[in-house]
Amino acid sequence: MEASKANGRLDEAVGLPDALLKRLRAGELWHAVLLVGESSQAERAARWLAQALLCEAPRADAPCGRCRSCAQFSAGSHPDFWASGDKGLKAGDVEALQAWLATKGHGTRKVYVLRGADEMTPVAANRMLKTLEEPAPETYAILTAQSRQKVLSTLRSRSFTCLLSASPPFLSTDPTSIAVVTRATSAEDPSFAGLMERVIEWTQTWQSGGATPWELAASWQSIAKDVPAEDGLLLLAEWLRELMRVRAGGQAERFGAWEEAVRRIAPILEVEQYAACVQAVMEARLRLQSHVALLLNLEQMCVRLREVTTSW
C-alpha cells in the first residue's frame, strides 16, 4: 500500500491526467502518447511513465522503484528504453531509433521517448510516421512538446495528446529531499559536515556576481564532492526554496539553524527569481540522469543562475 501512496503523490507531481493513469493501470495505454507541457515537467512525466511501463511490479504499484527493471532505469542502463537527445529529433535520430526497435527486447515491453516533437525536422517527422502507424506489439512511444500546435498534424493524429497540469514545476518541496535535508542539517552524517555553511557562502558569491559561471560550477563541485551529485543539487534546490519562502513572507522551516543567514540572503532576489533558480537547479539534476558530464552540467546551471540575477 505504501508504494501505491508514493506513486499517487508522484502522479500528481508530474501532472499526468487521470484518463492516462487509469488506462495505464488497466493495461490499456495508447501505443503513442504526446505529453504537452513545460519542458522540464514533460521530461519528468515522460521518464515516470516510461519507468512505469517497464516496471516488473503489478500495474497498481508501478513504478515500484525496487525491481530489477526500475534499478536499471534509474541507472540509465535499461536495455528496453531509448530516448532522443534534448533538441528536436533529426533524421539520423530516427534511423538510430528504428535500428533499436528492430532488435529483440530483453523484456516484454520496449519504450522510447521522442523529446521536442514540436521542434522535429520535417524529414524526421515524415520518417517517423510509419513507425507510429505500425507499432510493434508491446512497444510504446512517448513524445514531449511545449506547444501542441507546433507538432505536425500527422504526428498528433497518430498519438493521444495529454495536456500536463499547469501547476509550476519544482516549486513544491520534493518528498525525496526530506532525507537529504535531514542529513545535511544534523551532525550525525560526517559526509555532510559543514556543507550548509559552504552552501551559504557559495550562494552569496553567486548572488554578488563575483565569479564566472565556470568558477561557480567548479566551486560547487568542490564543496559538494563528498555527497552524491544528485543529493547535492537537491539540497541546493531546497535551500533556494527556503529563501523563496521567507522572501514571500513565510517562516524558515527546514533550515532553522541558519535562520539568520536565511533572513539576510532572502531579500536579495524576488520570489519569481528564486522560483526560476529552483527550476534551473532541478533541471540540472534531471540532466544528470542523462549522463551529461557533471562539470559541464553545473556550468550550464550556473549560466542560468547568473542570467536570473542579472536580467530581471
C-alpha atoms as a PDB file:
ATOM      1  CA  MET A   1       0.000   0.000   0.000  1.00  0.00           C
ATOM      2  CA  GLU A   2       2.833   2.413   0.805  1.00  0.00           C
ATOM      3  CA  ALA A   3       4.209   2.077  -2.718  1.00  0.00           C
ATOM      4  CA  SER A   4       0.821   2.948  -4.162  1.00  0.00           C
ATOM      5  CA  LYS A   5       0.558   6.017  -1.958  1.00  0.00           C
ATOM      6  CA  ALA A   6       4.007   7.179  -3.005  1.00  0.00           C
ATOM      7  CA  ASN A   7       3.120   6.643  -6.659  1.00  0.00           C
ATOM      8  CA  GLY A   8      -0.038   8.678  -6.206  1.00  0.00           C
ATOM      9  CA  ARG A   9       1.999  11.663  -4.998  1.00  0.00           C
ATOM     10  CA  LEU A  10       4.319  11.339  -7.969  1.00  0.00           C
ATOM     11  CA  ASP A  11       1.381  11.082 -10.393  1.00  0.00           C
ATOM     12  CA  GLU A  12       0.170  14.415  -9.038  1.00  0.00           C
ATOM     13  CA  ALA A  13       3.653  15.962  -9.136  1.00  0.00           C
ATOM     14  CA  VAL A  14       4.244  15.295 -12.818  1.00  0.00           C
ATOM     15  CA  GLY A  15       0.735  16.424 -13.774  1.00  0.00           C
ATOM     16  CA  LEU A  16      -0.404  13.359 -15.698  1.00  0.00           C
ATOM     17  CA  PRO A  17      -4.179  13.379 -16.329  1.00  0.00           C
ATOM     18  CA  ASP A  18      -6.448  10.815 -14.686  1.00  0.00           C
ATOM     19  CA  ALA A  19      -7.526   9.363 -18.035  1.00  0.00           C
ATOM     20  CA  LEU A  20      -3.966   8.358 -18.844  1.00  0.00           C
ATOM     21  CA  LEU A  21      -3.310   6.924 -15.377  1.00  0.00           C
ATOM     22  CA  LYS A  22      -6.497   4.833 -15.481  1.00  0.00           C
ATOM     23  CA  ARG A  23      -5.524   3.342 -18.835  1.00  0.00           C
ATOM     24  CA  LEU A  24      -2.000   2.691 -17.588  1.00  0.00           C
ATOM     25  CA  ARG A  25      -3.292   0.837 -14.508  1.00  0.00           C
ATOM     26  CA  ALA A  26      -5.745  -1.137 -16.640  1.00  0.00           C
ATOM     27  CA  GLY A  27      -3.064  -2.138 -19.158  1.00  0.00           C
ATOM     28  CA  GLU A  28      -4.853  -0.249 -21.918  1.00  0.00           C
ATOM     29  CA  LEU A  29      -2.448   2.619 -22.588  1.00  0.00           C
ATOM     30  CA  TRP A  30      -2.356   4.032 -26.110  1.00  0.00           C
ATOM     31  CA  HIS A  31       0.678   2.922 -28.110  1.00  0.00           C
ATOM     32  CA  ALA A  32       1.746   6.569 -28.586  1.00  0.00           C
ATOM     33  CA  VAL A  33       1.256   9.427 -26.129  1.00  0.00           C
ATOM     34  CA  LEU A  34       2.049  13.107 -26.690  1.00  0.00           C
ATOM     35  CA  LEU A  35       2.784  14.939 -23.414  1.00  0.00           C
ATOM     36  CA  VAL A  36       2.372  18.695 -23.751  1.00  0.00           C
ATOM     37  CA  GLY A  37       3.746  20.997 -21.077  1.00  0.00           C
ATOM     38  CA  GLU A  38       6.755  22.935 -19.814  1.00  0.00           C
ATOM     39  CA  SER A  39       9.901  21.108 -20.965  1.00  0.00           C
ATOM     40  CA  SER A  40      11.278  20.023 -17.588  1.00  0.00           C
ATOM     41  CA  GLN A  41       7.843  18.932 -16.374  1.00  0.00           C
ATOM     42  CA  ALA A  42       7.238  16.973 -19.590  1.00  0.00           C
ATOM     43  CA  GLU A  43      10.641  15.301 -19.161  1.00  0.00           C
ATOM     44  CA  ARG A  44       9.772  14.218 -15.623  1.00  0.00           C
ATOM     45  CA  ALA A  45       6.382  12.925 -16.756  1.00  0.00           C
ATOM     46  CA  ALA A  46       7.886  11.035 -19.695  1.00  0.00           C
ATOM     47  CA  ARG A  47      10.524   9.354 -17.534  1.00  0.00           C
ATOM     48  CA  TRP A  48       7.955   8.406 -14.878  1.00  0.00           C
ATOM     49  CA  LEU A  49       5.619   6.957 -17.490  1.00  0.00           C
ATOM     50  CA  ALA A  50       8.419   5.025 -19.213  1.00  0.00           C
ATOM     51  CA  GLN A  51       9.589   3.577 -15.907  1.00  0.00           C
ATOM     52  CA  ALA A  52       6.009   2.611 -15.002  1.00  0.00           C
ATOM     53  CA  LEU A  53       5.563   0.795 -18.321  1.00  0.00           C
ATOM     54  CA  LEU A  54       8.801  -1.152 -17.886  1.00  0.00           C
ATOM     55  CA  CYS A  55       8.356  -1.897 -14.166  1.00  0.00           C
ATOM     56  CA  GLU A  56       8.018  -5.565 -13.198  1.00  0.00           C
ATOM     57  CA  ALA A  57       5.619  -4.856 -10.304  1.00  0.00           C
ATOM     58  CA  PRO A  58       1.811  -5.069 -10.603  1.00  0.00           C
ATOM     59  CA  ARG A  59       0.390  -2.143 -12.556  1.00  0.00           C
ATOM     60  CA  ALA A  60      -1.180  -0.586  -9.447  1.00  0.00           C
ATOM     61  CA  ASP A  61       2.271  -0.251  -7.854  1.00  0.00           C
ATOM     62  CA  ALA A  62       4.323   0.752 -10.885  1.00  0.00           C
ATOM     63  CA  PRO A  63       6.876   2.184 -10.896  1.00  0.00           C
ATOM     64  CA  CYS A  64       7.870   0.403  -7.692  1.00  0.00           C
ATOM     65  CA  GLY A  65      11.461   1.631  -7.590  1.00  0.00           C
ATOM     66  CA  ARG A  66      12.623  -1.738  -6.242  1.00  0.00           C
ATOM     67  CA  CYS A  67      12.553  -4.285  -9.076  1.00  0.00           C
ATOM     68  CA  ARG A  68      15.428  -5.042 -11.440  1.00  0.00           C
ATOM     69  CA  SER A  69      13.815  -3.015 -14.218  1.00  0.00           C
ATOM     70  CA  CYS A  70      13.458   0.096 -12.015  1.00  0.00           C
ATOM     71  CA  ALA A  71      17.069  -0.277 -10.884  1.00  0.00           C
ATOM     72  CA  GLN A  72      18.253  -0.449 -14.495  1.00  0.00           C
ATOM     73  CA  PHE A  73      16.102   2.530 -15.428  1.00  0.00           C
ATOM     74  CA  SER A  74      17.420   4.652 -12.553  1.00  0.00           C
ATOM     75  CA  ALA A  75      20.977   3.732 -13.507  1.00  0.00           C
ATOM     76  CA  GLY A  76      20.367   4.792 -17.120  1.00  0.00           C
ATOM     77  CA  SER A  77      21.137   1.313 -18.423  1.00  0.00           C
ATOM     78  CA  HIS A  78      17.738  -0.190 -19.226  1.00  0.00           C
ATOM     79  CA  PRO A  79      18.137  -2.131 -22.499  1.00  0.00           C
ATOM     80  CA  ASP A  80      14.463  -1.720 -23.440  1.00  0.00           C
ATOM     81  CA  PHE A  81      14.410   2.083 -23.076  1.00  0.00           C
ATOM     82  CA  TRP A  82      15.542   4.566 -25.721  1.00  0.00           C
ATOM     83  CA  ALA A  83      15.384   8.383 -25.625  1.00  0.00           C
ATOM     84  CA  SER A  84      16.299  11.017 -28.170  1.00  0.00           C
ATOM     85  CA  GLY A  85      18.555  13.978 -27.425  1.00  0.00           C
ATOM     86  CA  ASP A  86      17.389  17.200 -25.815  1.00  0.00           C
ATOM     87  CA  LYS A  87      16.874  19.019 -29.122  1.00  0.00           C
ATOM     88  CA  GLY A  88      14.370  18.341 -31.858  1.00  0.00           C
ATOM     89  CA  LEU A  89      14.559  14.920 -33.481  1.00  0.00           C
ATOM     90  CA  LYS A  90      16.607  14.692 -36.679  1.00  0.00           C
ATOM     91  CA  ALA A  91      16.599  12.105 -39.469  1.00  0.00           C
ATOM     92  CA  GLY A  92      19.706  10.411 -38.054  1.00  0.00           C
ATOM     93  CA  ASP A  93      17.959  10.001 -34.700  1.00  0.00           C
ATOM     94  CA  VAL A  94      15.022   8.298 -36.405  1.00  0.00           C
ATOM     95  CA  GLU A  95      17.387   5.869 -38.122  1.00  0.00           C
ATOM     96  CA  ALA A  96      19.018   5.066 -34.761  1.00  0.00           C
ATOM     97  CA  LEU A  97      15.612   4.549 -33.179  1.00  0.00           C
ATOM     98  CA  GLN A  98      14.392   2.273 -35.954  1.00  0.00           C
ATOM     99  CA  ALA A  99      17.556   0.185 -35.714  1.00  0.00           C
ATOM    100  CA  TRP A 100      16.979  -0.152 -31.955  1.00  0.00           C
ATOM    101  CA  LEU A 101      13.330  -1.126 -32.498  1.00  0.00           C
ATOM    102  CA  ALA A 102      14.442  -3.862 -34.885  1.00  0.00           C
ATOM    103  CA  THR A 103      16.460  -5.575 -32.155  1.00  0.00           C
ATOM    104  CA  LYS A 104      14.895  -8.154 -29.867  1.00  0.00           C
ATOM    105  CA  GLY A 105      13.863  -6.776 -26.487  1.00  0.00           C
ATOM    106  CA  HIS A 106      15.182  -8.152 -23.203  1.00  0.00           C
ATOM    107  CA  GLY A 107      11.775  -7.966 -21.504  1.00  0.00           C
ATOM    108  CA  THR A 108       8.143  -7.948 -22.529  1.00  0.00           C
ATOM    109  CA  ARG A 109       7.973  -4.261 -23.441  1.00  0.00           C
ATOM    110  CA  LYS A 110      10.008  -1.590 -25.196  1.00  0.00           C
ATOM    111  CA  VAL A 111       9.558   2.135 -24.571  1.00  0.00           C
ATOM    112  CA  TYR A 112      11.053   5.113 -26.366  1.00  0.00           C
ATOM    113  CA  VAL A 113      10.841   8.867 -25.755  1.00  0.00           C
ATOM    114  CA  LEU A 114      10.974  11.493 -28.500  1.00  0.00           C
ATOM    115  CA  ARG A 115      11.833  14.830 -26.891  1.00  0.00           C
ATOM    116  CA  GLY A 116      10.760  18.090 -28.503  1.00  0.00           C
ATOM    117  CA  ALA A 117       8.243  16.775 -31.009  1.00  0.00           C
ATOM    118  CA  ASP A 118       7.341  20.393 -31.735  1.00  0.00           C
ATOM    119  CA  GLU A 119      10.938  21.007 -32.901  1.00  0.00           C
ATOM    120  CA  MET A 120      11.256  17.878 -35.021  1.00  0.00           C
ATOM    121  CA  THR A 121      12.576  18.413 -38.540  1.00  0.00           C
ATOM    122  CA  PRO A 122      10.035  17.710 -41.319  1.00  0.00           C
ATOM    123  CA  VAL A 123      12.222  14.916 -42.724  1.00  0.00           C
ATOM    124  CA  ALA A 124      12.435  13.224 -39.342  1.00  0.00           C
ATOM    125  CA  ALA A 125       8.696  13.625 -38.770  1.00  0.00           C
ATOM    126  CA  ASN A 126       7.867  12.010 -42.090  1.00  0.00           C
ATOM    127  CA  ARG A 127      10.197   9.094 -41.370  1.00  0.00           C
ATOM    128  CA  MET A 128       8.504   8.593 -38.008  1.00  0.00           C
ATOM    129  CA  LEU A 129       5.022   8.255 -39.456  1.00  0.00           C
ATOM    130  CA  LYS A 130       5.271   4.608 -40.479  1.00  0.00           C
ATOM    131  CA  THR A 131       6.823   3.699 -37.131  1.00  0.00           C
ATOM    132  CA  LEU A 132       3.898   5.289 -35.316  1.00  0.00           C
ATOM    133  CA  GLU A 133       1.337   3.891 -37.746  1.00  0.00           C
ATOM    134  CA  GLU A 134       2.549   0.303 -37.436  1.00  0.00           C
ATOM    135  CA  PRO A 135       3.802  -0.133 -33.846  1.00  0.00           C
ATOM    136  CA  ALA A 136       5.276  -3.452 -32.826  1.00  0.00           C
ATOM    137  CA  PRO A 137       3.379  -5.311 -30.082  1.00  0.00           C
ATOM    138  CA  GLU A 138       4.091  -4.038 -26.551  1.00  0.00           C
ATOM    139  CA  THR A 139       6.074  -1.087 -27.891  1.00  0.00           C
ATOM    140  CA  TYR A 140       5.204   2.369 -26.588  1.00  0.00           C
ATOM    141  CA  ALA A 141       6.136   5.824 -27.876  1.00  0.00           C
ATOM    142  CA  ILE A 142       6.162   8.873 -25.592  1.00  0.00           C
ATOM    143  CA  LEU A 143       6.501  12.240 -27.318  1.00  0.00           C
ATOM    144  CA  THR A 144       7.026  15.542 -25.490  1.00  0.00           C
ATOM    145  CA  ALA A 145       6.307  19.076 -26.670  1.00  0.00           C
ATOM    146  CA  GLN A 146       5.830  22.541 -25.233  1.00  0.00           C
ATOM    147  CA  SER A 147       3.328  23.524 -27.926  1.00  0.00           C
ATOM    148  CA  ARG A 148       0.713  21.148 -29.314  1.00  0.00           C
ATOM    149  CA  GLN A 149       0.044  23.437 -32.264  1.00  0.00           C
ATOM    150  CA  LYS A 150       3.655  23.225 -33.434  1.00  0.00           C
ATOM    151  CA  VAL A 151       3.577  19.434 -33.616  1.00  0.00           C
ATOM    152  CA  LEU A 152       2.803  18.291 -37.156  1.00  0.00           C
ATOM    153  CA  SER A 153      -0.841  17.263 -37.514  1.00  0.00           C
ATOM    154  CA  THR A 154       0.231  13.904 -38.941  1.00  0.00           C
ATOM    155  CA  LEU A 155       2.071  13.123 -35.703  1.00  0.00           C
ATOM    156  CA  ARG A 156      -0.737  14.446 -33.494  1.00  0.00           C
ATOM    157  CA  SER A 157      -3.250  12.244 -35.286  1.00  0.00           C
ATOM    158  CA  ARG A 158      -1.206   9.127 -34.522  1.00  0.00           C
ATOM    159  CA  SER A 159      -0.815   9.754 -30.790  1.00  0.00           C
ATOM    160  CA  PHE A 160      -3.067  10.586 -27.860  1.00  0.00           C
ATOM    161  CA  THR A 161      -2.450  14.115 -26.591  1.00  0.00           C
ATOM    162  CA  CYS A 162      -2.221  14.656 -22.813  1.00  0.00           C
ATOM    163  CA  LEU A 163      -2.007  18.205 -21.501  1.00  0.00           C
ATOM    164  CA  LEU A 164       0.021  18.249 -18.300  1.00  0.00           C
ATOM    165  CA  SER A 165      -1.390  20.243 -15.395  1.00  0.00           C
ATOM    166  CA  ALA A 166      -0.367  23.880 -15.418  1.00  0.00           C
ATOM    167  CA  SER A 167       0.984  23.885 -11.852  1.00  0.00           C
ATOM    168  CA  PRO A 168       4.515  25.338 -11.829  1.00  0.00           C
ATOM    169  CA  PRO A 169       7.098  22.542 -11.606  1.00  0.00           C
ATOM    170  CA  PHE A 170       9.650  22.317  -8.809  1.00  0.00           C
ATOM    171  CA  LEU A 171       8.019  24.938  -6.580  1.00  0.00           C
ATOM    172  CA  SER A 172       6.745  22.457  -4.007  1.00  0.00           C
ATOM    173  CA  THR A 173       9.106  20.565  -1.749  1.00  0.00           C
ATOM    174  CA  ASP A 174      10.177  17.271  -3.295  1.00  0.00           C
ATOM    175  CA  PRO A 175       9.359  14.430  -0.851  1.00  0.00           C
ATOM    176  CA  THR A 176      12.629  12.726  -1.752  1.00  0.00           C
ATOM    177  CA  SER A 177      14.565  15.707  -0.372  1.00  0.00           C
ATOM    178  CA  ILE A 178      13.463  15.144   3.230  1.00  0.00           C
ATOM    179  CA  ALA A 179      16.172  12.587   3.989  1.00  0.00           C
ATOM    180  CA  VAL A 180      18.854  14.684   2.260  1.00  0.00           C
ATOM    181  CA  VAL A 181      17.978  17.851   4.196  1.00  0.00           C
ATOM    182  CA  THR A 182      17.807  15.899   7.454  1.00  0.00           C
ATOM    183  CA  ARG A 183      21.316  14.553   6.913  1.00  0.00           C
ATOM    184  CA  ALA A 184      22.648  17.990   5.951  1.00  0.00           C
ATOM    185  CA  THR A 185      21.129  19.759   8.955  1.00  0.00           C
ATOM    186  CA  SER A 186      22.168  17.204  11.571  1.00  0.00           C
ATOM    187  CA  ALA A 187      25.583  16.477  12.998  1.00  0.00           C
ATOM    188  CA  GLU A 188      25.290  12.718  12.566  1.00  0.00           C
ATOM    189  CA  ASP A 189      26.462  12.312   8.952  1.00  0.00           C
ATOM    190  CA  PRO A 190      30.154  13.220   8.519  1.00  0.00           C
ATOM    191  CA  SER A 191      29.832  13.477   4.722  1.00  0.00           C
ATOM    192  CA  PHE A 192      27.534  16.485   5.202  1.00  0.00           C
ATOM    193  CA  ALA A 193      29.595  18.111   7.974  1.00  0.00           C
ATOM    194  CA  GLY A 194      29.982  21.830   7.345  1.00  0.00           C
ATOM    195  CA  LEU A 195      28.229  21.561   3.977  1.00  0.00           C
ATOM    196  CA  MET A 196      25.478  24.071   4.762  1.00  0.00           C
ATOM    197  CA  GLU A 197      27.998  26.751   5.710  1.00  0.00           C
ATOM    198  CA  ARG A 198      29.717  26.212   2.357  1.00  0.00           C
ATOM    199  CA  VAL A 199      26.366  26.281   0.515  1.00  0.00           C
ATOM    200  CA  ILE A 200      25.536  29.627   2.151  1.00  0.00           C
ATOM    201  CA  GLU A 201      28.938  31.063   1.206  1.00  0.00           C
ATOM    202  CA  TRP A 202      28.529  29.764  -2.361  1.00  0.00           C
ATOM    203  CA  THR A 203      25.067  31.351  -2.601  1.00  0.00           C
ATOM    204  CA  GLN A 204      26.432  34.726  -1.554  1.00  0.00           C
ATOM    205  CA  THR A 205      29.263  34.504  -4.099  1.00  0.00           C
ATOM    206  CA  TRP A 206      26.798  33.653  -6.863  1.00  0.00           C
ATOM    207  CA  GLN A 207      24.367  36.431  -5.947  1.00  0.00           C
ATOM    208  CA  SER A 208      27.131  39.028  -5.701  1.00  0.00           C
ATOM    209  CA  GLY A 209      28.231  38.341  -9.271  1.00  0.00           C
ATOM    210  CA  GLY A 210      31.810  37.924  -8.092  1.00  0.00           C
ATOM    211  CA  ALA A 211      32.565  34.756 -10.058  1.00  0.00           C
ATOM    212  CA  THR A 212      32.111  33.428 -13.585  1.00  0.00           C
ATOM    213  CA  PRO A 213      29.710  30.520 -14.241  1.00  0.00           C
ATOM    214  CA  TRP A 214      32.707  28.219 -14.735  1.00  0.00           C
ATOM    215  CA  GLU A 215      34.211  29.292 -11.401  1.00  0.00           C
ATOM    216  CA  LEU A 216      30.866  28.819  -9.669  1.00  0.00           C
ATOM    217  CA  ALA A 217      30.480  25.363 -11.216  1.00  0.00           C
ATOM    218  CA  ALA A 218      33.966  24.283 -10.149  1.00  0.00           C
ATOM    219  CA  SER A 219      33.361  25.685  -6.681  1.00  0.00           C
ATOM    220  CA  TRP A 220      30.074  23.811  -6.293  1.00  0.00           C
ATOM    221  CA  GLN A 221      31.659  20.573  -7.477  1.00  0.00           C
ATOM    222  CA  SER A 222      34.367  21.036  -4.848  1.00  0.00           C
ATOM    223  CA  ILE A 223      32.146  21.862  -1.869  1.00  0.00           C
ATOM    224  CA  ALA A 224      29.714  19.004  -2.625  1.00  0.00           C
ATOM    225  CA  LYS A 225      32.361  16.419  -3.563  1.00  0.00           C
ATOM    226  CA  ASP A 226      31.633  14.198  -0.535  1.00  0.00           C
ATOM    227  CA  VAL A 227      27.936  13.668  -1.321  1.00  0.00           C
ATOM    228  CA  PRO A 228      26.208  12.175  -4.390  1.00  0.00           C
ATOM    229  CA  ALA A 229      25.837  14.822  -7.105  1.00  0.00           C
ATOM    230  CA  GLU A 230      22.036  14.454  -7.245  1.00  0.00           C
ATOM    231  CA  ASP A 231      21.774  14.825  -3.456  1.00  0.00           C
ATOM    232  CA  GLY A 232      23.888  17.962  -3.545  1.00  0.00           C
ATOM    233  CA  LEU A 233      21.657  19.599  -6.141  1.00  0.00           C
ATOM    234  CA  LEU A 234      18.539  18.513  -4.267  1.00  0.00           C
ATOM    235  CA  LEU A 235      19.902  20.193  -1.144  1.00  0.00           C
ATOM    236  CA  LEU A 236      20.654  23.377  -3.105  1.00  0.00           C
ATOM    237  CA  ALA A 237      17.115  23.411  -4.515  1.00  0.00           C
ATOM    238  CA  GLU A 238      15.628  23.060  -1.015  1.00  0.00           C
ATOM    239  CA  TRP A 239      17.849  25.862   0.264  1.00  0.00           C
ATOM    240  CA  LEU A 240      16.597  28.122  -2.543  1.00  0.00           C
ATOM    241  CA  ARG A 241      13.007  27.132  -1.745  1.00  0.00           C
ATOM    242  CA  GLU A 242      13.611  28.187   1.849  1.00  0.00           C
ATOM    243  CA  LEU A 243      14.896  31.567   0.683  1.00  0.00           C
ATOM    244  CA  MET A 244      11.863  31.908  -1.587  1.00  0.00           C
ATOM    245  CA  ARG A 245       9.513  31.003   1.269  1.00  0.00           C
ATOM    246  CA  VAL A 246      10.996  33.657   3.556  1.00  0.00           C
ATOM    247  CA  ARG A 247      11.124  36.238   0.743  1.00  0.00           C
ATOM    248  CA  ALA A 248       7.377  35.692   0.297  1.00  0.00           C
ATOM    249  CA  GLY A 249       6.784  36.480   3.979  1.00  0.00           C
ATOM    250  CA  GLY A 250       6.873  32.979   5.426  1.00  0.00           C
ATOM    251  CA  GLN A 251       8.991  31.452   8.155  1.00  0.00           C
ATOM    252  CA  ALA A 252      12.202  29.458   7.873  1.00  0.00           C
ATOM    253  CA  GLU A 253      11.054  25.852   8.183  1.00  0.00           C
ATOM    254  CA  ARG A 254      13.775  23.448   7.125  1.00  0.00           C
ATOM    255  CA  PHE A 255      16.975  25.370   7.854  1.00  0.00           C
ATOM    256  CA  GLY A 256      16.126  26.848  11.233  1.00  0.00           C
ATOM    257  CA  ALA A 257      19.693  26.585  12.481  1.00  0.00           C
ATOM    258  CA  TRP A 258      20.699  29.032   9.746  1.00  0.00           C
ATOM    259  CA  GLU A 259      17.711  31.381  10.126  1.00  0.00           C
ATOM    260  CA  GLU A 260      19.938  34.443  10.444  1.00  0.00           C
ATOM    261  CA  ALA A 261      21.582  33.670   7.100  1.00  0.00           C
ATOM    262  CA  VAL A 262      18.192  32.913   5.529  1.00  0.00           C
ATOM    263  CA  ARG A 263      16.804  36.299   6.572  1.00  0.00           C
ATOM    264  CA  ARG A 264      19.947  38.087   5.423  1.00  0.00           C
ATOM    265  CA  ILE A 265      20.051  36.486   1.982  1.00  0.00           C
ATOM    266  CA  ALA A 266      16.336  36.096   1.139  1.00  0.00           C
ATOM    267  CA  PRO A 267      15.651  39.798   0.313  1.00  0.00           C
ATOM    268  CA  ILE A 268      18.365  39.898  -2.353  1.00  0.00           C
ATOM    269  CA  LEU A 269      16.132  38.321  -5.040  1.00  0.00           C
ATOM    270  CA  GLU A 270      12.419  38.416  -5.791  1.00  0.00           C
ATOM    271  CA  VAL A 271      10.142  35.407  -5.319  1.00  0.00           C
ATOM    272  CA  GLU A 272       9.896  34.881  -9.075  1.00  0.00           C
ATOM    273  CA  GLN A 273      13.676  34.879  -9.373  1.00  0.00           C
ATOM    274  CA  TYR A 274      14.041  32.240  -6.677  1.00  0.00           C
ATOM    275  CA  ALA A 275      11.398  30.142  -8.446  1.00  0.00           C
ATOM    276  CA  ALA A 276      13.375  30.338 -11.700  1.00  0.00           C
ATOM    277  CA  CYS A 277      16.573  29.402  -9.838  1.00  0.00           C
ATOM    278  CA  VAL A 278      14.930  26.364  -8.239  1.00  0.00           C
ATOM    279  CA  GLN A 279      13.847  25.230 -11.670  1.00  0.00           C
ATOM    280  CA  ALA A 280      17.370  25.710 -13.084  1.00  0.00           C
ATOM    281  CA  VAL A 281      18.853  23.544 -10.320  1.00  0.00           C
ATOM    282  CA  MET A 282      16.260  20.798 -10.695  1.00  0.00           C
ATOM    283  CA  GLU A 283      16.713  20.747 -14.459  1.00  0.00           C
ATOM    284  CA  ALA A 284      20.443  20.264 -13.861  1.00  0.00           C
ATOM    285  CA  ARG A 285      19.592  17.356 -11.573  1.00  0.00           C
ATOM    286  CA  LEU A 286      17.453  15.841 -14.339  1.00  0.00           C
ATOM    287  CA  ARG A 287      20.301  16.178 -16.825  1.00  0.00           C
ATOM    288  CA  LEU A 288      22.496  14.073 -14.554  1.00  0.00           C
ATOM    289  CA  GLN A 289      20.164  11.159 -15.286  1.00  0.00           C
ATOM    290  CA  SER A 290      21.006  11.583 -18.978  1.00  0.00           C
ATOM    291  CA  HIS A 291      24.716  11.204 -18.162  1.00  0.00           C
ATOM    292  CA  VAL A 292      25.667  14.787 -19.023  1.00  0.00           C
ATOM    293  CA  ALA A 293      29.237  15.485 -17.831  1.00  0.00           C
ATOM    294  CA  LEU A 294      28.992  16.829 -14.283  1.00  0.00           C
ATOM    295  CA  LEU A 295      31.136  19.957 -14.636  1.00  0.00           C
ATOM    296  CA  LEU A 296      29.540  20.908 -17.963  1.00  0.00           C
ATOM    297  CA  ASN A 297      26.102  20.353 -16.439  1.00  0.00           C
ATOM    298  CA  LEU A 298      26.949  22.526 -13.424  1.00  0.00           C
ATOM    299  CA  GLU A 299      28.294  25.264 -15.685  1.00  0.00           C
ATOM    300  CA  GLN A 300      25.029  25.282 -17.665  1.00  0.00           C
ATOM    301  CA  MET A 301      23.155  25.587 -14.375  1.00  0.00           C
ATOM    302  CA  CYS A 302      25.351  28.459 -13.213  1.00  0.00           C
ATOM    303  CA  VAL A 303      24.920  30.302 -16.504  1.00  0.00           C
ATOM    304  CA  ARG A 304      21.168  30.170 -15.939  1.00  0.00           C
ATOM    305  CA  LEU A 305      21.501  31.279 -12.313  1.00  0.00           C
ATOM    306  CA  ARG A 306      23.582  34.275 -13.377  1.00  0.00           C
ATOM    307  CA  GLU A 307      21.038  35.137 -16.074  1.00  0.00           C
ATOM    308  CA  VAL A 308      18.258  35.142 -13.493  1.00  0.00           C
ATOM    309  CA  THR A 309      20.113  37.510 -11.180  1.00  0.00           C
ATOM    310  CA  THR A 310      21.228  39.939 -13.908  1.00  0.00           C
ATOM    311  CA  SER A 311      18.355  40.089 -16.396  1.00  0.00           C
ATOM    312  CA  TRP A 312      15.336  40.620 -14.174  1.00  0.00           C
END
